[in-house]
Structures are given as C-alpha cells and as structure tokens.
C-alpha cells in the first residue's frame, strides 16, 4: 500500500467523526428500515457486545441484512455482506449528520 493511500485514509478517518455521529434509537429496526427515508447506516451492538456498522440496512423477516466494510491483510477496504438475526441485536444507533 502506498504512503499516499495510507495518508489519504488517515485524513479521511480524522474528518469523518466531525461530520457525523450516531444516536440511539428505540424504534424497531423493521420499522426504521421500512420507512420512506431509511437510514444509510446503522450501528448495532450484539448481545455478545460486538459492534458493527451496517450500510444499506434492511430487515427481512427476522434478520437484519446489509453490508459492512472490512480491511484485508493488505490494507484494502472491501465490502462484505452482513446478516444477523434481530434477536441477537441489543442496541441500534442511527447515523445523524451535523448539518
């Protein structure tokens, strides 16, 4: 991975938290993702304590589906499919923009 790419990723990571924040929601995930304007990102905490940021979240039957970003051993960011039973999710937070 080139130095230029690493610096770019670090700068991007430094600016992202200033632009957005996550806010806890009590709305059921099925209703939240089925709304006319569903969130683009949802951060979930599992009953085991793991945290995942899910892009393009949607609930089908009793499971949350979407995509997550993953970094491989070479430092490349890839997108992976995500699926988890809603019963295994303890909390959900919705991304809110500062603007």
Protein backbone atom coordinates (compact mmCIF):
# COMPACT_ATOMS: atom_id res chain seq x y z
CA UNK A 1 0.00 0.00 0.00
CA UNK A 2 1.46 3.34 -0.98
CA UNK A 3 2.24 6.11 1.52
CA UNK A 4 -0.11 8.42 -0.36
CA UNK A 5 -3.00 5.98 0.09
CA UNK A 6 -2.27 5.50 3.79
CA UNK A 7 -2.14 9.26 4.40
CA UNK A 8 -5.40 9.73 2.48
CA UNK A 9 -7.16 7.07 4.55
CA UNK A 10 -5.87 8.55 7.81
CA UNK A 11 -7.03 12.05 6.84
CA UNK A 12 -10.44 10.74 5.83
CA UNK A 13 -10.77 8.86 9.12
CA UNK A 14 -9.83 12.01 11.05
CA UNK A 15 -12.53 14.12 9.37
CA UNK A 16 -15.41 11.64 9.43
CA UNK A 17 -16.20 11.81 13.17
CA UNK A 18 -16.58 15.59 12.97
CA UNK A 19 -19.26 15.31 10.30
CA UNK A 20 -21.49 12.59 11.72
CA UNK A 21 -22.49 11.00 14.98
CA UNK A 22 -24.62 8.05 15.97
CA UNK A 23 -27.75 8.47 18.06
CA UNK A 24 -29.51 5.63 19.89
CA UNK A 25 -32.96 4.75 18.63
CA UNK A 26 -35.82 2.94 20.30
CA UNK A 27 -37.71 2.47 17.04
CA UNK A 28 -37.80 -1.20 15.98
CA UNK A 29 -35.32 -1.97 13.20
CA UNK A 30 -38.07 -3.34 10.95
CA UNK A 31 -39.97 -0.02 11.11
CA UNK A 32 -36.80 2.05 10.85
CA UNK A 33 -35.56 0.35 7.68
CA UNK A 34 -39.02 0.26 6.08
CA UNK A 35 -39.65 3.99 6.49
CA UNK A 36 -39.93 6.19 3.37
CA UNK A 37 -36.42 7.53 4.08
CA UNK A 38 -34.48 4.70 5.74
CA UNK A 39 -31.05 5.41 7.25
CA UNK A 40 -27.99 4.75 5.12
CA UNK A 41 -26.00 3.41 8.09
CA UNK A 42 -26.93 1.76 11.38
CA UNK A 43 -24.50 0.80 14.12
CA UNK A 44 -25.64 -2.26 16.07
CA UNK A 45 -24.35 -3.81 19.27
CA UNK A 46 -24.94 -7.53 19.63
CA UNK A 47 -26.00 -9.30 22.80
CA UNK A 48 -22.37 -10.56 22.94
CA UNK A 49 -21.06 -6.97 22.89
CA UNK A 50 -19.66 -6.83 19.33
CA UNK A 51 -20.31 -3.66 17.31
CA UNK A 52 -20.96 -3.48 13.58
CA UNK A 53 -21.73 -0.59 11.27
CA UNK A 54 -24.21 -1.81 8.67
CA UNK A 55 -24.55 0.05 5.37
CA UNK A 56 -27.86 -0.09 3.44
CA UNK A 57 -29.64 -1.86 6.33
CA UNK A 58 -32.90 -3.69 5.78
CA UNK A 59 -34.92 -6.15 7.81
CA UNK A 60 -36.36 -9.19 6.06
CA UNK A 61 -38.46 -11.47 8.25
CA UNK A 62 -36.46 -11.64 11.49
CA UNK A 63 -32.97 -10.77 10.23
CA UNK A 64 -31.01 -7.59 9.58
CA UNK A 65 -29.23 -7.53 6.21
CA UNK A 66 -26.80 -5.05 4.71
CA UNK A 67 -23.10 -4.54 4.01
CA UNK A 68 -20.09 -3.93 6.23
CA UNK A 69 -16.64 -2.62 5.39
CA UNK A 70 -13.69 -4.90 6.05
CA UNK A 71 -9.95 -4.40 5.72
CA UNK A 72 -7.95 -7.29 4.30
CA UNK A 73 -4.37 -8.24 5.22
CA UNK A 74 -3.02 -5.85 2.54
CA UNK A 75 -4.96 -2.89 3.95
CA UNK A 76 -7.52 -2.81 1.15
CA UNK A 77 -11.06 -1.89 2.17
CA UNK A 78 -13.70 -4.26 0.83
CA UNK A 79 -17.44 -4.57 1.29
CA UNK A 80 -18.91 -7.77 2.71
CA UNK A 81 -22.48 -8.94 3.02
CA UNK A 82 -23.91 -8.82 6.56
CA UNK A 83 -26.80 -10.79 8.05
CA UNK A 84 -27.81 -11.23 11.68
CA UNK A 85 -30.98 -12.27 13.50
CA UNK A 86 -32.68 -9.24 15.04
CA UNK A 87 -32.96 -11.19 18.30
CA UNK A 88 -29.13 -11.07 18.58
CA UNK A 89 -29.08 -7.25 18.50
CA UNK A 90 -29.07 -5.44 21.85
CA UNK A 91 -28.97 -1.80 20.64
CA UNK A 92 -29.18 0.13 17.40
CA UNK A 93 -27.85 3.60 16.66
CA UNK A 94 -28.67 5.70 13.61
CA UNK A 95 -26.12 7.92 11.89
CA UNK A 96 -27.02 11.60 12.16
CA UNK A 97 -25.33 14.39 10.23
CA UNK A 98 -24.12 17.55 11.99
CA UNK A 99 -25.63 19.72 9.26
